Protein backbone atom coordinates (compact mmCIF):
# COMPACT_ATOMS: atom_id res chain seq x y z
CA MET A 1 12.93 13.60 -3.89
CA ARG A 2 9.88 14.92 -2.08
CA LYS A 3 6.95 12.55 -1.62
CA GLN A 4 3.79 13.77 -3.33
CA ILE A 5 0.63 13.75 -1.21
CA TYR A 6 -2.80 14.15 -2.75
CA SER A 7 -5.80 15.12 -0.69
CA LEU A 8 -9.15 13.73 -1.77
CA GLY A 9 -11.73 15.06 0.62
CA GLU A 10 -10.81 14.06 4.15
CA ARG A 11 -8.24 11.46 3.15
CA GLU A 12 -4.74 11.91 1.80
CA ILE A 13 -2.95 9.41 -0.41
CA SER A 14 0.56 9.41 -1.77
CA GLU A 15 1.32 9.06 -5.45
CA ALA A 16 2.67 5.55 -4.80
CA SER A 17 -0.51 4.48 -3.04
CA LEU A 18 -2.72 5.84 -5.83
CA ALA A 19 -2.03 2.74 -7.90
CA ALA A 20 -2.82 0.46 -4.97
CA PHE A 21 -5.94 2.48 -4.28
CA LEU A 22 -7.19 2.13 -7.85
CA ASN A 23 -6.29 -1.57 -7.92
CA ASP A 24 -8.42 -2.28 -4.82
CA LYS A 25 -5.39 -3.37 -2.78
CA VAL A 26 -6.37 -1.10 0.07
CA LYS A 27 -8.88 -2.38 2.62
CA LYS A 28 -12.26 -0.92 1.79
CA ASP A 29 -14.12 1.24 4.25
CA PRO A 30 -16.98 3.69 3.54
CA LEU A 31 -14.55 6.55 2.94
CA HIS A 32 -12.47 4.40 0.60
CA ALA A 33 -15.57 3.39 -1.34
CA ARG A 34 -16.55 7.07 -1.72
CA MET A 35 -13.06 8.02 -2.87
CA GLU A 36 -12.99 5.14 -5.34
CA LYS A 37 -16.33 6.28 -6.79
CA ILE A 38 -15.07 9.86 -7.07
CA LEU A 39 -11.85 8.77 -8.79
CA LYS A 40 -13.66 6.57 -11.29
CA ILE A 41 -16.08 9.36 -12.20
CA ALA A 42 -13.23 11.86 -12.45
CA LEU A 43 -11.14 9.49 -14.59
CA LYS A 44 -14.00 9.24 -17.08
CA GLN A 45 -15.23 12.83 -17.08
CA GLU A 46 -12.40 15.16 -16.11
CA LEU A 47 -9.39 13.87 -18.03
CA THR A 48 -8.46 14.05 -21.68
CA ASP A 49 -8.15 10.72 -23.46
CA ARG A 50 -4.36 10.99 -23.45
CA GLN A 51 -4.22 11.82 -19.73
CA ARG A 52 -6.53 8.90 -18.97
CA ASP A 53 -4.39 6.55 -21.07
CA CYS A 54 -1.16 7.65 -19.40
CA ILE A 55 -2.56 7.45 -15.87
CA THR A 56 -4.19 4.08 -16.49
CA LEU A 57 -1.07 2.59 -18.02
CA TYR A 58 1.23 4.04 -15.35
CA TYR A 59 -0.75 3.50 -12.15
CA ILE A 60 -3.10 0.63 -12.92
CA GLN A 61 -1.09 -1.45 -15.38
CA ASN A 62 2.26 -0.53 -13.77
CA ARG A 63 3.94 0.29 -17.06
CA LYS A 64 7.14 2.31 -17.20
CA VAL A 65 7.14 5.79 -18.68
CA LYS A 66 9.43 4.78 -21.55
CA GLU A 67 7.15 1.85 -22.33
CA ILE A 68 4.08 4.11 -22.34
CA ALA A 69 5.89 6.57 -24.60
CA VAL A 70 6.60 3.84 -27.14
CA MET A 71 3.02 2.54 -26.96
CA LEU A 72 1.50 5.98 -27.49
CA ALA A 73 4.19 7.23 -29.90
CA ILE A 74 5.05 10.26 -27.76
CA LYS A 75 8.12 11.39 -25.85
CA PRO A 76 8.66 10.25 -22.23
CA THR A 77 8.58 13.88 -21.07
CA THR A 78 5.13 14.20 -22.64
CA VAL A 79 3.98 11.13 -20.71
CA TYR A 80 5.16 12.78 -17.48
CA LYS A 81 3.29 15.98 -18.40
CA HIS A 82 0.05 14.09 -19.12
CA ILE A 83 0.31 12.22 -15.82
CA LYS A 84 1.03 15.40 -13.87
CA LYS A 85 -1.81 17.36 -15.48
CA GLY A 86 -4.15 14.41 -15.06
CA ILE A 87 -3.37 14.16 -11.34
CA ILE A 88 -3.97 17.89 -10.96
CA SER A 89 -7.35 17.51 -12.70
CA LEU A 90 -8.26 14.56 -10.46
CA ARG A 91 -7.38 16.55 -7.36
CA LYS A 92 -9.51 19.50 -8.50
CA ALA A 93 -12.43 17.25 -9.39
CA ALA A 94 -12.26 15.45 -6.03
CA LYS A 95 -12.80 18.76 -4.25
CA TYR A 96 -16.14 19.30 -5.99
CA LEU A 97 -17.57 15.78 -5.98
């Protein structure tokens, strides 16, 4: 499986490190602080409620997709779609902020 890389401004992060990034497990530098601010704004303003819920549960709370599906009463494939579309929206928003 190919590793996903997301570019936020000058810095690239992998999908796996997105959770660590949002959980403040990465050492903070000025660029990190800027990216964190951008992500928090984008999470609040650019995502639908369902996308935000799925991304928060998956990356920040480290829940499994099946678990999220049960919690939100949707299919696991729908959870994947919300996460994917949410990441795309975050990437687009990061380019403009």
